[in-house]
Amino acid sequence: MRRIISVWLPAWLTDKLRRNRAPVAPPADALVTCRHDGRRLAVAAADAAARALGIHPGMPLTQARALVPGLAVADADPAGDQAALDDLAVWCLRYAPMTAADAPDGVWIDATGCAHLFGGEAALLADLAGRLADAGITARAAIADTPGAAWAMARFGVNRLAVVAPGAQAVALAVLPLAALRIAPDMLRGLRRLGVERIGSLMAMPRGPLARRFGAAVLTRLDQALGRVPEPIEPVCPPGMIQHRLAFVEPLITAEAFATVIDELVHAVCIRLTEHGEGARRLDLTFERVDGSTQSIGIGTAHLVRDGKHLARLLGERVEQVDPGAGVEAMRLAVTRSDVLPGAQLAALAGDAPPDLGILVDVLENHFGPARVYRCQPVESDVPERSVRRIPALAPSSAANWPKGLPRPVRLLHPPQRVEAMSLLPDQPPVAFTWRRLRRRIRRADGPERITGEWWQREAETAVVRDYWAVEDEAGRRYWLFRRGDGADPATGDLSWFLHGFF
């Protein structure tokens, strides 16, 4: 399901002036920007202090100065404002691969499938608003199924940050004023003359008379907000991003056609990567459907890659996730993460070094997920559960190593499982132990190996004082058992037994 974020920057122009330290009045004073509207100078934007004094955009500048004699005025810079808004949209790519400027004071973010990376939709909006506030930018934001619903809630909703549940846009929009539909002012005045003030009242009216009196634009905006008619968003591209787009005479709908286009797109992108001496770490493929909506798939690589066949295969494995609808009229491939290839990889590409496992790792990670493909690295710690950590499959090894003279199980239980054991104190091995209601008699045992915790925090490590035994039962199965405590100091443990691993 599509999830769109609309970010509204109500004081974007004046916030930008203050952030850039423009030569205007101190921040405590009211600030406006002005432009020539063809007949006179008019207010283009007003900060919160100016709006509190009754100044609003569109007001003649002379009237504004009459209301506030000490008003600070700066010339409007539409081109600079748009460029700054585009830069902000590029910054928002940290949250999703598709963002766009919503002139004059907003940003679109297509957050479909991205919210879980930030702890949910509410957490994503809170992080976004917090970072903008830290930069001195006032913002309201909302997320909904449609751009129209998100736009309306961001600007007219009660809460500064609003999450509209999937499929609930009709209920959320019903109480909002008609201006939330982004309809023309003359249509808005006409509807108000009919006594229609809320979107809910408009939903209840017959569609035929509305279309005859006001045209199709009103119903189109309503249907876009409710999700009946798709509303495309033209994504922004960071300067210098390597990308390639192909448009088609006839819409494509089959996986075979997509595969052919993917090969062409990847080939064009790899040529650009070669020219820049770079490799790709992340690629996003966008499908532009004939109904105006878009779908996208993304792949990541374990290291820098510019092998066209490998990248095309990774993208081809994700094509089945795409719903072409009535057809796809264009496809765009963008390299959203790249870097300069190091010398070792360049040597491997030239055939001067043995190939690495990058291709296999990429296939496994894109199939099972990056979190499920890893390798273990030793950590300098005597406590077994602290002596290993997971690292990316192709990450460099550390200088630490496991002790060679003390064998460790190939599998550790987390947490260790309690067992019932029989043994003689102080240093005798267990004779038998019961685990999962099954009694196992021990035929051989080696130990004890005493673990006393980290030496630099010895006083706080009494809970990890343990005596480990490697044991073998009568069936030949080998286990790693430990007894908690040293038998002398009760603070170190109660002498209970635990199963910690299998050999």
Protein backbone atom coordinates (compact mmCIF):
# COMPACT_ATOMS: atom_id res chain seq x y z
CA MET A 1 0.00 0.00 0.00
CA ARG A 2 1.25 3.44 -0.93
CA ARG A 3 2.13 5.78 1.96
CA ILE A 4 2.86 9.44 1.21
CA ILE A 5 4.25 12.10 3.55
CA SER A 6 3.44 15.77 3.00
CA VAL A 7 5.73 18.18 4.81
CA TRP A 8 4.42 21.74 5.12
CA LEU A 9 6.84 24.56 5.89
CA PRO A 10 4.50 27.43 6.81
CA ALA A 11 7.35 29.89 7.36
CA TRP A 12 9.71 28.43 4.78
CA LEU A 13 10.71 31.68 3.06
CA THR A 14 11.29 33.67 6.23
CA ASP A 15 12.96 30.72 7.97
CA LYS A 16 15.31 30.50 5.02
CA LEU A 17 16.21 34.18 5.35
CA ARG A 18 16.97 33.88 9.04
CA ARG A 19 18.92 30.66 8.57
CA ASN A 20 21.07 32.27 5.89
CA ARG A 21 21.60 35.31 8.13
CA ALA A 22 20.28 37.73 5.58
CA PRO A 23 20.78 41.44 6.39
CA VAL A 24 17.34 41.97 7.89
CA ALA A 25 16.01 42.90 11.31
CA PRO A 26 16.78 40.82 14.42
CA PRO A 27 14.81 37.56 14.79
CA ALA A 28 12.45 39.08 17.36
CA ASP A 29 11.10 41.59 14.80
CA ALA A 30 8.36 40.84 12.27
CA LEU A 31 9.77 39.82 8.89
CA VAL A 32 8.14 39.64 5.44
CA THR A 33 9.28 39.19 1.88
CA CYS A 34 7.71 41.21 -0.92
CA ARG A 35 7.24 40.84 -4.66
CA HIS A 36 5.70 42.93 -7.44
CA ASP A 37 2.33 41.49 -8.42
CA GLY A 38 2.00 43.57 -11.60
CA ARG A 39 0.39 46.62 -10.01
CA ARG A 40 2.07 47.07 -6.64
CA LEU A 41 4.43 45.57 -4.09
CA ALA A 42 2.71 42.82 -2.11
CA VAL A 43 3.68 40.56 0.76
CA ALA A 44 4.95 37.22 -0.56
CA ALA A 45 5.58 35.56 2.83
CA ALA A 46 5.29 36.52 6.48
CA ASP A 47 6.84 34.97 9.57
CA ALA A 48 4.91 34.04 12.71
CA ALA A 49 5.49 37.42 14.36
CA ALA A 50 4.17 39.27 11.29
CA ARG A 51 1.13 37.00 10.97
CA ALA A 52 0.33 37.57 14.65
CA LEU A 53 0.18 41.30 13.89
CA GLY A 54 -2.37 40.79 11.11
CA ILE A 55 -0.07 40.60 8.08
CA HIS A 56 -0.73 37.85 5.54
CA PRO A 57 0.63 36.94 2.08
CA GLY A 58 -1.00 38.95 -0.70
CA MET A 59 -1.48 42.05 1.43
CA PRO A 60 -0.17 45.29 -0.15
CA LEU A 61 3.19 46.20 1.33
CA THR A 62 2.05 49.73 2.11
CA GLN A 63 -0.81 48.37 4.20
CA ALA A 64 1.54 46.00 6.01
CA ARG A 65 3.92 48.82 6.84
CA ALA A 66 1.02 50.90 8.10
CA LEU A 67 0.07 48.10 10.49
CA VAL A 68 3.65 47.53 11.67
CA PRO A 69 5.87 50.63 11.33
CA GLY A 70 9.05 48.72 12.21
CA LEU A 71 8.38 45.90 9.73
CA ALA A 72 11.50 44.24 8.29
CA VAL A 73 11.18 43.70 4.53
CA ALA A 74 13.33 41.60 2.17
CA ASP A 75 12.99 41.10 -1.56
CA ALA A 76 11.49 37.80 -2.64
CA ASP A 77 13.79 35.45 -4.54
CA PRO A 78 11.58 32.87 -6.28
CA ALA A 79 14.45 31.13 -8.09
CA GLY A 80 16.53 30.92 -4.92
CA ASP A 81 13.55 29.77 -2.90
CA GLN A 82 12.82 26.96 -5.37
CA ALA A 83 16.47 25.90 -5.43
CA ALA A 84 16.54 25.77 -1.63
CA LEU A 85 13.31 23.73 -1.59
CA ASP A 86 14.83 21.30 -4.09
CA ASP A 87 17.89 20.97 -1.84
CA LEU A 88 15.61 20.19 1.09
CA ALA A 89 13.83 17.53 -0.96
CA VAL A 90 17.23 15.98 -1.74
CA TRP A 91 18.02 15.99 1.99
CA CYS A 92 14.75 14.12 2.62
CA LEU A 93 16.13 11.20 0.59
CA ARG A 94 17.52 10.01 3.92
CA TYR A 95 13.96 8.83 4.69
CA ALA A 96 12.86 7.32 1.35
CA PRO A 97 14.21 6.86 -2.19
CA MET A 98 11.48 9.08 -3.74
CA THR A 99 11.02 12.71 -2.69
CA ALA A 100 9.91 15.85 -4.51
CA ALA A 101 9.57 19.58 -3.89
CA ASP A 102 5.99 20.81 -3.43
CA ALA A 103 6.31 24.51 -4.28
CA PRO A 104 6.13 26.99 -2.76
CA ASP A 105 6.41 25.64 0.80
CA GLY A 106 6.23 21.85 0.95
CA VAL A 107 7.98 18.55 0.27
CA TRP A 108 6.60 15.17 -0.79
CA ILE A 109 8.11 11.92 0.54
CA ASP A 110 6.98 8.55 -0.80
CA ALA A 111 7.59 6.53 2.36
CA THR A 112 6.08 3.27 1.09
CA GLY A 113 7.88 0.40 2.80
CA CYS A 114 10.34 2.69 4.62
CA ALA A 115 8.70 3.54 7.94
CA HIS A 116 9.82 0.36 9.71
CA LEU A 117 13.44 1.48 9.32
CA PHE A 118 12.71 4.35 11.73
CA GLY A 119 10.52 2.50 14.22
CA GLY A 120 7.16 3.19 12.56
CA GLU A 121 5.38 6.05 10.84
CA ALA A 122 4.94 8.16 13.96
CA ALA A 123 8.64 7.82 14.81
CA LEU A 124 9.61 8.73 11.24
CA LEU A 125 7.53 11.94 11.37
CA ALA A 126 8.94 12.82 14.78
CA ASP A 127 12.51 12.34 13.58
CA LEU A 128 11.84 14.41 10.45
CA ALA A 129 10.22 17.28 12.36
CA GLY A 130 12.93 17.19 15.03
CA ARG A 131 15.77 17.46 12.53
CA LEU A 132 14.04 20.31 10.71
CA ALA A 133 13.48 22.11 14.02
CA ASP A 134 17.17 21.72 14.86
CA ALA A 135 17.92 23.45 11.55
CA GLY A 136 15.58 26.33 12.42
CA ILE A 137 12.78 25.26 10.06
CA THR A 138 9.15 25.25 11.22
CA ALA A 139 7.33 22.20 9.89
CA ARG A 140 4.07 20.25 10.02
CA ALA A 141 3.81 16.79 8.48
CA ALA A 142 1.26 14.08 7.80
CA ILE A 143 1.33 10.60 6.28
CA ALA A 144 -1.58 9.01 4.44
CA ASP A 145 -2.42 6.70 1.55
CA THR A 146 -2.70 9.57 -0.96
CA PRO A 147 -0.80 12.80 -1.59
CA GLY A 148 -4.05 14.78 -1.37
CA ALA A 149 -4.97 13.42 2.05
CA ALA A 150 -1.45 13.94 3.41
CA TRP A 151 -1.39 17.52 2.03
CA ALA A 152 -4.73 18.32 3.63
CA MET A 153 -3.86 16.89 7.05
CA ALA A 154 -0.47 18.61 7.15
CA ARG A 155 -2.04 22.02 6.54
CA PHE A 156 -5.49 21.77 8.10
CA GLY A 157 -5.25 18.92 10.59
CA VAL A 158 -5.47 19.48 14.32
CA ASN A 159 -2.13 17.87 15.16
CA ARG A 160 1.26 19.12 14.00
CA LEU A 161 2.23 15.54 13.11
CA ALA A 162 -0.59 13.35 11.82
CA VAL A 163 -0.72 9.66 10.89
CA VAL A 164 -3.80 8.70 8.88
CA ALA A 165 -4.38 4.96 9.16
CA PRO A 166 -4.44 3.01 5.89
CA GLY A 167 -7.86 3.31 4.25
CA ALA A 168 -9.05 5.98 6.70
CA GLN A 169 -8.54 9.06 4.55
CA ALA A 170 -12.27 9.59 3.96
CA VAL A 171 -12.97 9.84 7.70
CA ALA A 172 -9.98 12.10 8.29
CA LEU A 173 -10.91 14.46 5.42
CA ALA A 174 -14.61 14.75 6.21
CA VAL A 175 -14.13 17.34 8.98
CA LEU A 176 -11.63 19.51 7.09
CA PRO A 177 -12.54 22.72 5.22
CA LEU A 178 -12.89 22.75 1.44
CA ALA A 179 -9.60 24.63 1.05
CA ALA A 180 -7.84 21.37 2.00
CA LEU A 181 -8.74 19.96 -1.43
CA ARG A 182 -6.46 22.41 -3.31
CA ILE A 183 -9.27 23.70 -5.53
CA ALA A 184 -9.26 27.07 -7.31
CA PRO A 185 -10.42 30.14 -5.30
CA ASP A 186 -13.38 30.86 -7.62
CA MET A 187 -14.66 27.28 -7.22
CA LEU A 188 -14.15 27.56 -3.47
CA ARG A 189 -16.25 30.73 -3.32
CA GLY A 190 -18.98 29.14 -5.44
CA LEU A 191 -19.22 26.10 -3.17
CA ARG A 192 -19.37 28.29 -0.10
CA ARG A 193 -22.28 30.22 -1.59
CA LEU A 194 -24.09 26.90 -1.74
CA GLY A 195 -23.45 26.42 1.97
CA VAL A 196 -20.74 23.77 1.53
CA GLU A 197 -17.99 24.37 4.07
CA ARG A 198 -16.59 20.91 4.80
CA ILE A 199 -15.24 18.12 2.62
CA GLY A 200 -17.72 15.72 4.21
CA SER A 201 -20.59 17.82 2.86
CA LEU A 202 -19.03 17.75 -0.60
CA MET A 203 -18.72 13.95 -0.47
CA ALA A 204 -22.46 13.66 0.21
CA MET A 205 -23.49 15.81 -2.78
CA PRO A 206 -24.52 14.27 -6.14
CA ARG A 207 -21.56 14.17 -8.50
CA GLY A 208 -23.46 14.98 -11.69
CA PRO A 209 -24.70 18.46 -10.71
CA LEU A 210 -21.29 19.28 -9.22
CA ALA A 211 -19.51 18.41 -12.46
CA ARG A 212 -21.99 20.42 -14.56
CA ARG A 213 -21.72 23.52 -12.39
CA PHE A 214 -18.04 23.54 -11.39
CA GLY A 215 -16.37 21.28 -13.93
CA ALA A 216 -14.40 18.09 -13.39
CA ALA A 217 -11.58 19.74 -11.41
CA VAL A 218 -13.44 19.64 -8.08
CA LEU A 219 -14.31 15.95 -8.41
CA THR A 220 -10.78 15.15 -9.59
CA ARG A 221 -9.25 16.72 -6.49
CA LEU A 222 -11.73 14.88 -4.28
CA ASP A 223 -11.06 11.55 -5.99
CA GLN A 224 -7.29 12.10 -5.75
CA ALA A 225 -7.54 12.73 -2.00
CA LEU A 226 -9.70 9.62 -1.52
CA GLY A 227 -7.47 7.42 -3.66
CA ARG A 228 -9.94 6.84 -6.48
CA VAL A 229 -7.72 8.65 -9.00
CA PRO A 230 -3.91 8.31 -8.83
CA GLU A 231 -1.77 11.40 -8.35
CA PRO A 232 1.84 11.05 -9.54
CA ILE A 233 4.82 12.65 -7.83
CA GLU A 234 7.81 13.65 -9.93
CA PRO A 235 10.82 12.61 -7.82
CA VAL A 236 13.80 14.89 -7.33
CA CYS A 237 17.27 13.71 -8.27
CA PRO A 238 20.39 14.85 -6.41
CA PRO A 239 22.93 16.72 -8.56
CA GLY A 240 25.39 14.32 -10.13
CA MET A 241 23.30 11.19 -9.48
CA ILE A 242 23.94 8.48 -12.04
CA GLN A 243 20.64 7.43 -13.56
CA HIS A 244 19.01 6.43 -16.84
CA ARG A 245 15.38 6.50 -17.98
CA LEU A 246 13.63 4.75 -20.84
CA ALA A 247 10.12 5.59 -22.09
CA PHE A 248 8.08 3.20 -24.24
CA VAL A 249 5.76 3.68 -27.19
CA GLU A 250 3.48 0.92 -25.90
CA PRO A 251 3.01 0.13 -22.19
CA LEU A 252 4.88 -2.92 -20.87
CA ILE A 253 3.18 -5.49 -18.70
CA THR A 254 5.18 -8.75 -18.78
CA ALA A 255 8.19 -9.79 -16.71
CA GLU A 256 10.09 -10.70 -19.87
CA ALA A 257 9.73 -7.16 -21.22
CA PHE A 258 10.85 -5.74 -17.87
CA ALA A 259 13.92 -7.98 -17.92
CA THR A 260 14.93 -6.69 -21.35
CA VAL A 261 14.59 -3.07 -20.24
CA ILE A 262 16.50 -3.77 -17.03
CA ASP A 263 19.43 -5.08 -19.07
CA GLU A 264 19.50 -1.85 -21.11
CA LEU A 265 19.20 0.38 -18.06
CA VAL A 266 21.93 -1.46 -16.16
CA HIS A 267 24.24 -1.36 -19.17
CA ALA A 268 23.82 2.43 -19.49
CA VAL A 269 24.34 2.95 -15.76
CA CYS A 270 27.46 0.76 -15.67
CA ILE A 271 28.99 2.81 -18.50
CA ARG A 272 28.52 5.94 -16.39
CA LEU A 273 29.97 4.20 -13.34
CA THR A 274 33.03 3.18 -15.36
CA GLU A 275 33.51 6.74 -16.60
CA HIS A 276 33.48 7.97 -13.00
CA GLY A 277 35.64 5.11 -11.70
CA GLU A 278 32.90 4.18 -9.24
CA GLY A 279 30.92 1.18 -8.11
CA ALA A 280 27.30 0.98 -6.95
CA ARG A 281 26.14 0.10 -3.45
CA ARG A 282 22.43 0.85 -3.87
CA LEU A 283 20.17 1.01 -6.94
CA ASP A 284 16.50 1.98 -7.14
CA LEU A 285 14.35 1.03 -10.13
CA THR A 286 11.15 3.04 -10.61
CA PHE A 287 8.24 1.85 -12.75
CA GLU A 288 6.04 4.70 -14.08
CA ARG A 289 2.58 3.29 -14.76
CA VAL A 290 0.12 4.64 -17.30
CA ASP A 291 -2.32 5.65 -14.53
CA GLY A 292 0.25 8.16 -13.25
CA SER A 293 1.33 6.17 -10.18
CA THR A 294 4.80 4.73 -9.60
CA GLN A 295 6.24 1.61 -8.04
CA SER A 296 9.84 1.03 -7.13
CA ILE A 297 12.19 -1.77 -6.13
CA GLY A 298 15.65 -1.43 -4.66
CA ILE A 299 18.72 -3.61 -4.25
CA GLY A 300 21.84 -3.27 -2.16
CA THR A 301 25.28 -4.81 -2.59
CA ALA A 302 27.79 -5.99 -0.01
CA HIS A 303 30.57 -4.02 -1.69
CA LEU A 304 30.99 -1.69 -4.66
CA VAL A 305 29.77 -3.31 -7.89
CA ARG A 306 29.59 -2.33 -11.54
CA ASP A 307 29.13 -5.78 -13.06
CA GLY A 308 26.10 -5.36 -15.33
CA LYS A 309 25.09 -9.03 -15.38
CA HIS A 310 25.23 -9.28 -11.61
CA LEU A 311 23.19 -6.11 -11.03
CA ALA A 312 20.62 -7.09 -13.67
CA ARG A 313 20.14 -10.48 -12.03
CA LEU A 314 19.60 -8.90 -8.60
CA LEU A 315 17.00 -6.50 -10.01
CA GLY A 316 15.34 -9.28 -12.00
CA GLU A 317 14.74 -11.26 -8.80
CA ARG A 318 12.64 -8.35 -7.45
CA VAL A 319 10.48 -7.78 -10.55
CA GLU A 320 7.81 -10.17 -9.29
CA GLN A 321 7.04 -7.64 -6.52
CA VAL A 322 5.87 -5.06 -9.08
CA ASP A 323 2.21 -4.69 -10.01
CA PRO A 324 2.20 -3.21 -13.54
CA GLY A 325 -1.50 -2.36 -13.40
CA ALA A 326 -2.66 -1.26 -16.85
CA GLY A 327 0.94 -1.09 -18.01
CA VAL A 328 4.27 0.64 -17.44
CA GLU A 329 5.11 3.53 -19.77
CA ALA A 330 8.63 4.31 -18.48
CA MET A 331 11.33 2.90 -16.21
CA ARG A 332 14.10 4.78 -14.44
CA LEU A 333 17.18 3.28 -12.77
CA ALA A 334 19.08 5.46 -10.29
CA VAL A 335 22.31 4.74 -8.41
CA THR A 336 21.42 6.17 -5.01
CA ARG A 337 24.65 5.05 -3.31
CA SER A 338 28.04 4.81 -5.00
CA ASP A 339 31.71 5.40 -4.29
CA VAL A 340 35.11 5.25 -5.94
CA LEU A 341 36.34 1.70 -6.43
CA PRO A 342 39.44 0.88 -4.34
CA GLY A 343 42.56 -0.45 -5.99
CA ALA A 344 41.98 -4.05 -4.89
CA GLN A 345 38.60 -4.20 -6.61
CA LEU A 346 39.96 -2.56 -9.74
CA ALA A 347 42.66 -5.24 -9.86
CA ALA A 348 40.01 -7.95 -9.48
CA LEU A 349 37.99 -6.42 -12.34
CA ALA A 350 41.09 -6.45 -14.52
CA GLY A 351 41.70 -10.13 -13.73
CA ASP A 352 44.86 -9.47 -11.70
CA ALA A 353 43.43 -10.83 -8.43
CA PRO A 354 41.24 -13.78 -7.47
CA PRO A 355 37.51 -13.01 -7.36
CA ASP A 356 35.92 -12.51 -3.96
CA LEU A 357 32.61 -13.71 -2.55
CA GLY A 358 30.77 -10.46 -3.24
CA ILE A 359 28.47 -11.89 -5.92
CA LEU A 360 27.36 -14.78 -3.70
CA VAL A 361 26.85 -12.47 -0.71
CA ASP A 362 24.73 -10.05 -2.78
CA VAL A 363 22.47 -12.86 -4.00
CA LEU A 364 22.01 -14.21 -0.47
CA GLU A 365 21.40 -10.77 1.10
CA ASN A 366 18.81 -9.73 -1.48
CA HIS A 367 17.03 -13.07 -1.09
CA PHE A 368 17.14 -13.51 2.70
CA GLY A 369 17.84 -9.94 3.89
CA PRO A 370 21.13 -8.36 5.05
CA ALA A 371 20.46 -9.22 8.71
CA ARG A 372 20.54 -12.96 7.94
CA VAL A 373 23.85 -13.02 6.07
CA TYR A 374 26.82 -12.46 8.34
CA ARG A 375 29.94 -14.03 9.76
CA CYS A 376 31.25 -14.28 13.30
CA GLN A 377 34.25 -12.36 14.59
CA PRO A 378 36.10 -13.06 17.85
CA VAL A 379 36.08 -10.48 20.62
CA GLU A 380 38.68 -10.33 23.37
CA SER A 381 36.59 -11.55 26.31
CA ASP A 382 36.71 -14.58 28.58
CA VAL A 383 32.94 -14.64 28.96
CA PRO A 384 31.71 -16.95 26.14
CA GLU A 385 28.60 -14.95 25.13
CA ARG A 386 30.74 -11.83 24.83
CA SER A 387 33.56 -13.43 22.87
CA VAL A 388 31.83 -13.31 19.50
CA ARG A 389 29.88 -10.76 17.50
CA ARG A 390 28.20 -10.67 14.12
CA ILE A 391 29.72 -8.57 11.36
CA PRO A 392 28.81 -8.08 7.67
CA ALA A 393 29.86 -10.98 5.51
CA LEU A 394 32.61 -9.02 3.72
CA ALA A 395 33.77 -6.85 6.62
CA PRO A 396 37.52 -6.98 7.42
CA SER A 397 38.66 -9.24 10.25
CA SER A 398 39.93 -7.93 13.57
CA ALA A 399 43.21 -8.78 15.26
CA ALA A 400 41.43 -10.73 18.02
CA ASN A 401 41.32 -14.52 17.93
CA TRP A 402 39.80 -17.33 19.95
CA PRO A 403 42.05 -19.28 22.33
CA LYS A 404 43.49 -22.32 20.54
CA GLY A 405 44.03 -24.52 23.57
CA LEU A 406 40.48 -24.24 24.89
CA PRO A 407 37.83 -25.69 22.53
CA ARG A 408 34.55 -23.84 22.18
CA PRO A 409 31.21 -25.24 20.97
CA VAL A 410 30.07 -24.55 17.43
CA ARG A 411 26.68 -23.52 18.84
CA LEU A 412 25.92 -21.54 22.01
CA LEU A 413 22.50 -21.36 23.63
CA HIS A 414 21.24 -17.88 24.43
CA PRO A 415 20.42 -17.74 27.20
CA PRO A 416 21.99 -20.86 28.77
CA GLN A 417 19.36 -23.43 29.75
CA ARG A 418 19.16 -24.70 33.30
CA VAL A 419 19.68 -28.45 33.88
CA GLU A 420 19.61 -30.78 36.89
CA ALA A 421 23.05 -32.35 37.45
CA MET A 422 24.73 -34.67 39.96
CA SER A 423 28.37 -34.06 40.90
CA LEU A 424 30.81 -34.12 43.77
CA LEU A 425 32.35 -30.89 45.01
CA PRO A 426 34.66 -29.14 44.71
CA ASP A 427 36.21 -30.09 41.35
CA GLN A 428 34.54 -33.31 40.27
CA PRO A 429 32.72 -33.51 36.93
CA PRO A 430 28.98 -34.15 36.76
CA VAL A 431 27.97 -37.79 36.70
CA ALA A 432 24.67 -37.19 34.92
CA PHE A 433 22.35 -34.33 34.04
CA THR A 434 18.70 -33.95 33.07
CA TRP A 435 17.74 -31.63 30.23
CA ARG A 436 14.26 -31.38 28.71
CA ARG A 437 13.04 -34.26 30.92
CA LEU A 438 15.67 -36.65 29.55
CA ARG A 439 18.42 -37.98 31.81
CA ARG A 440 21.86 -38.27 30.23
CA ARG A 441 24.64 -40.27 31.88
CA ILE A 442 28.11 -38.84 31.33
CA ARG A 443 30.83 -41.16 30.07
CA ARG A 444 33.72 -38.69 29.68
CA ALA A 445 34.37 -35.17 30.98
CA ASP A 446 37.12 -32.58 30.70
CA GLY A 447 37.45 -29.64 33.10
CA PRO A 448 36.93 -27.55 35.00
CA GLU A 449 37.74 -24.33 33.16
CA ARG A 450 37.02 -21.40 35.45
CA ILE A 451 35.66 -18.14 34.01
CA THR A 452 35.83 -15.16 36.36
CA GLY A 453 34.75 -12.26 34.10
CA GLU A 454 36.65 -9.24 32.87
CA TRP A 455 39.65 -8.31 35.02
CA TRP A 456 39.04 -4.57 34.76
CA GLN A 457 35.64 -4.85 36.39
CA ARG A 458 36.22 -7.89 38.57
CA GLU A 459 34.16 -6.66 41.50
CA ALA A 460 31.09 -6.23 39.29
CA GLU A 461 31.59 -9.59 37.53
CA THR A 462 30.79 -11.98 40.37
CA ALA A 463 27.65 -13.10 38.53
CA VAL A 464 29.72 -14.65 35.72
CA VAL A 465 32.00 -16.81 37.88
CA ARG A 466 31.56 -20.26 36.35
CA ASP A 467 33.24 -23.67 36.12
CA TYR A 468 32.89 -25.14 32.59
CA TRP A 469 33.00 -28.85 31.68
CA ALA A 470 33.12 -30.44 28.25
CA VAL A 471 31.21 -33.71 28.65
CA GLU A 472 30.18 -36.67 26.48
CA ASP A 473 27.15 -38.87 27.19
CA GLU A 474 26.75 -42.58 26.53
CA ALA A 475 25.38 -41.93 23.02
CA GLY A 476 28.48 -39.93 22.05
CA ARG A 477 26.79 -36.50 22.12
CA ARG A 478 28.97 -33.73 23.52
CA TYR A 479 27.80 -30.82 25.62
CA TRP A 480 29.26 -27.76 27.32
CA LEU A 481 28.01 -27.45 30.90
CA PHE A 482 28.87 -24.95 33.60
CA ARG A 483 28.29 -24.65 37.32
CA ARG A 484 27.53 -21.13 38.53
CA GLY A 485 29.74 -19.98 41.41
CA ASP A 486 33.10 -21.04 42.85
CA GLY A 487 31.73 -22.99 45.83
CA ALA A 488 33.44 -20.74 48.36
CA ASP A 489 31.75 -17.35 48.07
CA PRO A 490 27.91 -17.50 47.94
CA ALA A 491 27.91 -14.12 46.16
CA THR A 492 29.39 -15.75 43.06
CA GLY A 493 26.46 -18.14 42.52
CA ASP A 494 24.21 -20.85 43.91
CA LEU A 495 26.12 -23.79 42.31
CA SER A 496 23.29 -24.49 39.85
CA TRP A 497 24.07 -26.14 36.53
CA PHE A 498 23.42 -24.85 32.99
CA LEU A 499 23.79 -26.15 29.45
CA HIS A 500 25.56 -23.51 27.33
CA GLY A 501 26.40 -25.21 24.04
CA PHE A 502 26.98 -28.28 21.85
CA PHE A 503 30.20 -29.60 20.33
